[in-house]
Amino acid sequence: MTVDEVSRGPGLEGLVLDRSRRTRITRMVIGYGVVAAVLPYLLLKILWIGGVMVGVPEGSPARGADFVAPNIVTAAMDVVAILVAVAFTHRWGLRLPEWLVLAPVWVGTGLLTPAVIEVVNGAAAGAVTGGREVSLSGGLVAPWTYVVVYTSFALQGLLLSAAFLGYARSRWPYLFDRPSAAGVGATRGLQVVLARVGGAVAAAIAVAHLLMAFGTEGAFLGAYQEGWEYTARSGEVVNALMAASAAVGVLLMLRRPSGGGRTAARVGLALTWVGTGAMFGYALLTLLAVVLGAPESDNVTALNGLTQLGALLAGAALAITAALHLLERRPGHQHPALAEGTR
């Protein structure tokens, strides 16, 4: 028996199959973990839409009819999160149109990543100060409801990111390869212009969030009430971090490949993905709330309204830049996983 015959023997095939099976099981567990994390929040929304105001104190504005529509919208967003997570766990998800997968998970991870940071930050601050700096009382809902909701958000953010990473490795493996120094595409000039302009606006957005964080007036009127001041101010710092991440990330992505180009490109892609998703997603929700006259939207300060408009435009511009950059790295042939899945 030759060495070549041994290398193709059943032992090696069995090892490959076993590894593939473990990968599928892991993706299944993570994907359905997202579903489990979504359900508590979704259940609360369904109850509130149905008029069962569990976890909402008497006299809270959240009991009003004006909150029904926002509850329906946010419940629908969680249903989308469930559908996307299930798609990540099955082979048929590889055959979905790219935009149908990428758009919701881009906005979703952008909205949920700051929630993860704020949950960790709030827990740490509460532990260090004995709870003096962080309070959950006096809000729209009961304190335990905030715990359930933000724990759900944090778990969704972590698990959805992990599920998407596994999905992306299967569907777009070239994204994880070393960038080619020769791969300068036709839109390179446009990418550089968008990156510079969008990055400059994103930097200004970061400064605006820091001004709201450390100024006397926050993003919303009455945001810095006793017990909520630390949460509100640190939330603006996180928003500034997201904008800065987008600006730095896109510059790392567009940097000419060098010895450490692979690591820089991966870090740049991650920072751009999360930063632009957070900027665009949060700005879109805020501006839609203002335009549609959603509850509490009249509390949005002028500085915050202008900041969110800039974040919406800069987030979109930097996301388009990243998309153009990645499209020009796409191989000219169909990925084998897709070809196999269509048989």
Protein backbone atom coordinates (compact mmCIF):
# COMPACT_ATOMS: atom_id res chain seq x y z
CA MET A 1 0.00 0.00 0.00
CA THR A 2 1.41 3.38 -1.02
CA VAL A 3 1.60 6.50 1.10
CA ASP A 4 -0.96 8.13 -1.19
CA GLU A 5 -3.39 5.25 -0.65
CA VAL A 6 -2.98 5.53 3.12
CA SER A 7 -3.62 9.30 3.03
CA ARG A 8 -6.89 8.64 1.23
CA GLY A 9 -7.87 5.81 3.54
CA PRO A 10 -11.06 5.54 5.60
CA GLY A 11 -9.31 6.79 8.71
CA LEU A 12 -8.71 10.23 7.22
CA GLU A 13 -12.17 10.34 5.66
CA GLY A 14 -13.70 9.40 8.99
CA LEU A 15 -11.76 12.20 10.70
CA VAL A 16 -12.99 14.75 8.15
CA LEU A 17 -16.59 13.54 8.45
CA ASP A 18 -16.40 13.61 12.24
CA ARG A 19 -15.09 17.17 12.19
CA SER A 20 -17.82 18.20 9.76
CA ARG A 21 -20.45 16.59 11.98
CA ARG A 22 -19.14 18.41 15.05
CA THR A 23 -19.22 21.69 13.14
CA ARG A 24 -22.85 21.13 12.12
CA ILE A 25 -23.83 20.25 15.68
CA THR A 26 -22.04 23.31 17.06
CA ARG A 27 -23.78 25.59 14.56
CA MET A 28 -27.11 23.98 15.40
CA VAL A 29 -26.62 24.52 19.14
CA ILE A 30 -25.57 28.15 18.68
CA GLY A 31 -28.37 28.89 16.21
CA TYR A 32 -31.09 27.50 18.43
CA GLY A 33 -29.40 29.18 21.39
CA VAL A 34 -30.26 32.47 19.66
CA VAL A 35 -33.88 31.35 19.44
CA ALA A 36 -33.92 30.50 23.17
CA ALA A 37 -32.40 33.90 24.00
CA VAL A 38 -35.02 35.73 21.93
CA LEU A 39 -38.08 33.98 23.38
CA PRO A 40 -38.29 35.74 26.81
CA TYR A 41 -38.25 39.18 25.19
CA LEU A 42 -40.63 38.10 22.43
CA LEU A 43 -43.04 36.60 24.97
CA LEU A 44 -43.13 39.88 26.90
CA LYS A 45 -43.90 41.78 23.70
CA ILE A 46 -46.70 39.39 22.76
CA LEU A 47 -48.24 39.77 26.22
CA TRP A 48 -48.03 43.57 26.06
CA ILE A 49 -49.53 43.67 22.57
CA GLY A 50 -52.37 41.52 23.88
CA GLY A 51 -52.99 43.91 26.78
CA VAL A 52 -51.41 41.75 29.49
CA MET A 53 -49.07 44.33 31.03
CA VAL A 54 -46.92 42.03 33.12
CA GLY A 55 -43.80 43.83 34.32
CA VAL A 56 -45.24 47.29 33.55
CA PRO A 57 -46.09 49.35 36.67
CA GLU A 58 -49.42 51.09 37.08
CA GLY A 59 -49.27 54.62 35.73
CA SER A 60 -46.39 53.90 33.36
CA PRO A 61 -46.73 55.51 29.90
CA ALA A 62 -45.84 52.07 28.49
CA ARG A 63 -49.39 50.98 29.33
CA GLY A 64 -50.79 53.48 26.82
CA ALA A 65 -52.16 52.67 23.38
CA ASP A 66 -49.32 54.64 21.79
CA PHE A 67 -46.89 51.86 22.72
CA VAL A 68 -48.77 49.09 20.88
CA ALA A 69 -47.26 49.92 17.47
CA PRO A 70 -43.66 50.10 18.78
CA ASN A 71 -44.20 46.78 20.55
CA ILE A 72 -45.40 45.20 17.30
CA VAL A 73 -42.37 46.55 15.43
CA THR A 74 -39.86 45.30 18.00
CA ALA A 75 -41.62 41.92 18.22
CA ALA A 76 -41.38 41.64 14.43
CA MET A 77 -37.64 42.40 14.64
CA ASP A 78 -37.19 39.50 17.04
CA VAL A 79 -39.14 37.19 14.73
CA VAL A 80 -36.69 38.16 11.98
CA ALA A 81 -33.80 37.37 14.35
CA ILE A 82 -35.26 33.90 14.92
CA LEU A 83 -35.65 33.26 11.19
CA VAL A 84 -32.09 34.40 10.49
CA ALA A 85 -30.69 32.25 13.30
CA VAL A 86 -32.52 29.18 11.99
CA ALA A 87 -31.19 29.89 8.48
CA PHE A 88 -27.66 29.89 9.91
CA THR A 89 -28.13 26.37 11.22
CA HIS A 90 -29.41 24.64 8.05
CA ARG A 91 -27.95 24.07 4.60
CA TRP A 92 -30.91 25.75 2.91
CA GLY A 93 -29.72 28.98 4.50
CA LEU A 94 -26.73 28.92 2.13
CA ARG A 95 -29.10 29.27 -0.83
CA LEU A 96 -30.86 32.41 0.43
CA PRO A 97 -30.12 35.68 -1.41
CA GLU A 98 -27.14 37.35 0.20
CA TRP A 99 -28.94 40.63 0.89
CA LEU A 100 -31.75 38.77 2.67
CA VAL A 101 -29.24 37.38 5.16
CA LEU A 102 -26.78 40.24 5.43
CA ALA A 103 -29.16 43.19 5.91
CA PRO A 104 -30.96 41.96 9.06
CA VAL A 105 -27.87 40.42 10.69
CA TRP A 106 -25.84 43.59 10.00
CA VAL A 107 -28.39 45.81 11.72
CA GLY A 108 -29.07 43.17 14.38
CA THR A 109 -25.46 42.73 15.48
CA GLY A 110 -24.99 46.48 15.28
CA LEU A 111 -27.86 47.05 17.72
CA LEU A 112 -27.08 44.13 20.01
CA THR A 113 -23.31 44.57 20.41
CA PRO A 114 -23.69 47.86 22.32
CA ALA A 115 -26.26 46.08 24.50
CA VAL A 116 -23.67 43.42 25.38
CA ILE A 117 -21.13 46.11 26.32
CA GLU A 118 -23.66 48.05 28.38
CA VAL A 119 -24.82 44.96 30.28
CA VAL A 120 -21.23 44.10 31.23
CA ASN A 121 -20.50 47.73 32.07
CA GLY A 122 -23.63 48.11 34.19
CA ALA A 123 -22.97 44.87 36.08
CA ALA A 124 -19.38 45.90 36.78
CA ALA A 125 -20.41 49.39 37.94
CA GLY A 126 -23.11 47.93 40.17
CA ALA A 127 -20.68 45.47 41.72
CA VAL A 128 -18.01 48.10 42.38
CA THR A 129 -20.37 50.72 43.83
CA GLY A 130 -22.78 48.38 45.56
CA GLY A 131 -25.50 49.41 43.12
CA ARG A 132 -25.31 53.11 43.98
CA GLU A 133 -24.40 54.19 40.44
CA VAL A 134 -26.87 51.95 38.62
CA SER A 135 -30.62 51.87 39.26
CA LEU A 136 -33.45 50.21 37.39
CA SER A 137 -36.31 51.78 39.34
CA GLY A 138 -38.46 54.61 38.05
CA GLY A 139 -38.38 53.51 34.42
CA LEU A 140 -41.13 52.57 31.99
CA VAL A 141 -41.10 48.95 33.17
CA ALA A 142 -40.36 47.09 36.40
CA PRO A 143 -36.70 46.55 37.37
CA TRP A 144 -36.87 42.78 36.80
CA THR A 145 -38.14 43.42 33.28
CA TYR A 146 -35.01 45.40 32.44
CA VAL A 147 -32.91 42.48 33.69
CA VAL A 148 -34.82 40.01 31.48
CA VAL A 149 -34.75 42.26 28.43
CA TYR A 150 -31.09 43.26 28.55
CA THR A 151 -29.95 39.76 29.43
CA SER A 152 -31.87 38.59 26.37
CA PHE A 153 -30.21 41.29 24.26
CA ALA A 154 -26.74 40.36 25.50
CA LEU A 155 -27.21 36.65 24.81
CA GLN A 156 -28.70 37.39 21.40
CA GLY A 157 -25.72 39.58 20.52
CA LEU A 158 -23.11 37.01 21.53
CA LEU A 159 -24.83 33.98 20.02
CA LEU A 160 -25.97 35.69 16.83
CA SER A 161 -22.42 36.89 16.19
CA ALA A 162 -21.06 33.37 16.72
CA ALA A 163 -23.75 31.85 14.48
CA PHE A 164 -23.05 34.35 11.72
CA LEU A 165 -19.30 33.74 11.92
CA GLY A 166 -19.81 30.02 11.31
CA TYR A 167 -22.23 30.75 8.47
CA ALA A 168 -19.84 33.23 6.85
CA ARG A 169 -16.97 30.72 6.98
CA SER A 170 -19.12 28.25 5.04
CA ARG A 171 -20.59 30.66 2.51
CA TRP A 172 -17.77 33.19 1.99
CA PRO A 173 -14.50 31.43 2.89
CA TYR A 174 -12.47 33.87 0.80
CA LEU A 175 -13.18 36.56 3.39
CA PHE A 176 -10.90 34.69 5.77
CA ASP A 177 -8.01 34.35 3.32
CA ARG A 178 -5.00 36.63 3.18
CA PRO A 179 -5.74 39.72 1.02
CA SER A 180 -3.89 39.80 -2.28
CA ALA A 181 -1.53 42.70 -2.86
CA ALA A 182 -2.46 42.61 -6.54
CA GLY A 183 -6.19 42.79 -5.93
CA VAL A 184 -6.86 46.50 -6.49
CA GLY A 185 -10.26 46.76 -8.16
CA ALA A 186 -11.88 49.32 -10.42
CA THR A 187 -13.71 51.04 -7.54
CA ARG A 188 -10.61 51.58 -5.41
CA GLY A 189 -10.72 55.36 -5.94
CA LEU A 190 -14.39 55.55 -4.95
CA GLN A 191 -13.72 53.41 -1.89
CA VAL A 192 -10.98 55.74 -0.71
CA VAL A 193 -13.18 58.83 -1.13
CA LEU A 194 -16.13 57.24 0.68
CA ALA A 195 -13.86 55.96 3.44
CA ARG A 196 -12.29 59.36 4.03
CA VAL A 197 -15.53 61.33 3.96
CA GLY A 198 -17.51 58.73 5.89
CA GLY A 199 -14.66 58.28 8.36
CA ALA A 200 -14.44 62.02 8.99
CA VAL A 201 -18.20 62.20 9.63
CA ALA A 202 -18.02 59.13 11.88
CA ALA A 203 -15.25 60.81 13.90
CA ALA A 204 -17.47 63.88 14.28
CA ILE A 205 -20.33 61.61 15.39
CA ALA A 206 -18.08 60.09 18.03
CA VAL A 207 -17.19 63.56 19.33
CA ALA A 208 -20.89 64.52 19.43
CA HIS A 209 -21.72 61.44 21.51
CA LEU A 210 -18.90 62.30 23.90
CA LEU A 211 -20.26 65.84 24.22
CA MET A 212 -23.65 64.39 25.13
CA ALA A 213 -22.02 61.93 27.52
CA PHE A 214 -20.09 64.53 29.50
CA GLY A 215 -22.29 67.57 28.91
CA THR A 216 -25.28 68.81 30.86
CA GLU A 217 -27.80 67.74 28.23
CA GLY A 218 -27.86 64.19 26.95
CA ALA A 219 -29.36 62.55 23.91
CA PHE A 220 -32.84 62.79 25.46
CA LEU A 221 -34.46 65.38 27.71
CA GLY A 222 -34.35 64.18 31.29
CA ALA A 223 -31.91 61.37 30.48
CA TYR A 224 -29.64 62.20 33.41
CA GLN A 225 -32.08 61.56 36.22
CA GLU A 226 -30.85 60.28 39.56
CA GLY A 227 -30.11 56.56 39.38
CA TRP A 228 -30.05 56.58 35.59
CA GLU A 229 -27.28 59.08 34.98
CA TYR A 230 -24.42 56.57 34.85
CA THR A 231 -26.33 54.29 32.47
CA ALA A 232 -27.28 57.17 30.17
CA ARG A 233 -23.82 58.74 30.08
CA SER A 234 -21.95 55.45 29.60
CA GLY A 235 -24.40 54.56 26.83
CA GLU A 236 -23.30 57.65 24.91
CA VAL A 237 -19.67 56.63 25.40
CA VAL A 238 -20.50 53.24 23.86
CA ASN A 239 -22.17 55.01 20.91
CA ALA A 240 -19.00 57.06 20.44
CA LEU A 241 -16.98 53.84 20.50
CA MET A 242 -19.16 52.34 17.77
CA ALA A 243 -18.67 55.35 15.50
CA ALA A 244 -14.92 55.33 16.09
CA SER A 245 -14.83 51.59 15.37
CA ALA A 246 -16.48 52.14 11.99
CA ALA A 247 -14.00 54.88 11.03
CA VAL A 248 -10.93 52.89 12.08
CA GLY A 249 -12.25 49.61 10.72
CA VAL A 250 -12.79 50.78 7.16
CA LEU A 251 -9.30 52.30 7.05
CA LEU A 252 -7.81 48.97 8.17
CA MET A 253 -9.80 47.16 5.49
CA LEU A 254 -8.55 49.43 2.72
CA ARG A 255 -4.94 49.45 3.88
CA ARG A 256 -2.51 47.97 1.38
CA PRO A 257 -1.76 44.31 2.27
CA SER A 258 1.51 43.78 4.13
CA GLY A 259 3.03 41.12 6.34
CA GLY A 260 0.22 41.43 8.89
CA GLY A 261 -2.42 42.21 6.28
CA ARG A 262 -4.56 39.20 7.09
CA THR A 263 -5.03 40.13 10.75
CA ALA A 264 -5.56 43.81 9.98
CA ALA A 265 -8.15 42.98 7.32
CA ARG A 266 -10.08 40.70 9.69
CA VAL A 267 -10.03 43.22 12.52
CA GLY A 268 -11.01 45.96 10.10
CA LEU A 269 -13.92 43.92 8.75
CA ALA A 270 -15.20 43.16 12.28
CA LEU A 271 -14.92 46.80 13.42
CA THR A 272 -16.58 48.09 10.25
CA TRP A 273 -19.39 45.52 10.43
CA VAL A 274 -20.29 46.26 14.04
CA GLY A 275 -19.61 50.00 13.95
CA THR A 276 -21.58 50.77 10.80
CA GLY A 277 -24.41 48.45 11.85
CA ALA A 278 -24.69 50.23 15.21
CA MET A 279 -24.57 53.69 13.65
CA PHE A 280 -27.07 52.94 10.90
CA GLY A 281 -29.45 50.78 12.95
CA TYR A 282 -29.74 53.04 15.98
CA ALA A 283 -29.98 56.17 13.82
CA LEU A 284 -32.69 54.62 11.65
CA LEU A 285 -34.80 53.65 14.67
CA THR A 286 -34.35 57.05 16.31
CA LEU A 287 -35.16 59.08 13.20
CA LEU A 288 -38.16 56.91 12.31
CA ALA A 289 -39.47 57.38 15.85
CA VAL A 290 -39.15 61.17 15.49
CA VAL A 291 -40.73 61.30 12.03
CA LEU A 292 -43.63 59.02 13.02
CA GLY A 293 -44.14 60.71 16.38
CA ALA A 294 -43.52 57.57 18.43
CA PRO A 295 -43.89 57.74 22.23
CA GLU A 296 -41.09 59.70 23.96
CA SER A 297 -39.67 60.78 20.57
CA ASP A 298 -40.31 64.42 21.43
CA ASN A 299 -37.60 64.06 24.09
CA VAL A 300 -34.86 63.68 21.46
CA THR A 301 -32.55 66.69 21.76
CA ALA A 302 -31.57 68.78 18.74
CA LEU A 303 -27.92 67.69 19.01
CA ASN A 304 -28.95 64.05 19.10
CA GLY A 305 -31.25 64.45 16.10
CA LEU A 306 -28.47 66.01 14.02
CA THR A 307 -26.02 63.36 15.26
CA GLN A 308 -28.34 60.52 14.24
CA LEU A 309 -28.83 61.98 10.76
CA GLY A 310 -25.07 62.09 10.30
CA ALA A 311 -24.72 58.56 11.70
CA LEU A 312 -27.31 57.24 9.27
CA LEU A 313 -25.51 58.72 6.25
CA ALA A 314 -21.97 57.91 7.41
CA GLY A 315 -22.93 54.38 8.44
CA ALA A 316 -24.45 53.74 5.03
CA ALA A 317 -21.46 55.26 3.19
CA LEU A 318 -18.90 53.21 5.13
CA ALA A 319 -20.97 50.04 4.73
CA ILE A 320 -21.11 50.60 0.95
CA THR A 321 -17.34 51.11 0.96
CA ALA A 322 -16.81 47.81 2.76
CA ALA A 323 -19.25 46.03 0.44
CA LEU A 324 -17.41 47.26 -2.66
CA HIS A 325 -14.10 46.18 -1.18
CA LEU A 326 -15.38 42.69 -0.40
CA LEU A 327 -17.13 42.27 -3.75
CA GLU A 328 -13.86 42.87 -5.53
CA ARG A 329 -12.27 40.07 -3.51
CA ARG A 330 -14.97 37.59 -4.50
CA PRO A 331 -13.71 34.64 -6.56
CA GLY A 332 -15.06 34.34 -10.09
CA HIS A 333 -16.64 30.95 -9.49
CA GLN A 334 -19.54 29.80 -7.33
CA HIS A 335 -18.69 28.51 -3.89
CA PRO A 336 -18.79 24.67 -3.74
CA ALA A 337 -21.17 24.71 -0.75
CA LEU A 338 -23.73 26.62 -2.80
CA ALA A 339 -23.27 24.40 -5.84
CA GLU A 340 -23.70 21.29 -3.72
CA GLY A 341 -26.72 22.73 -1.92
CA THR A 342 -28.60 23.34 -5.17
CA ARG A 343 -28.39 19.74 -6.30
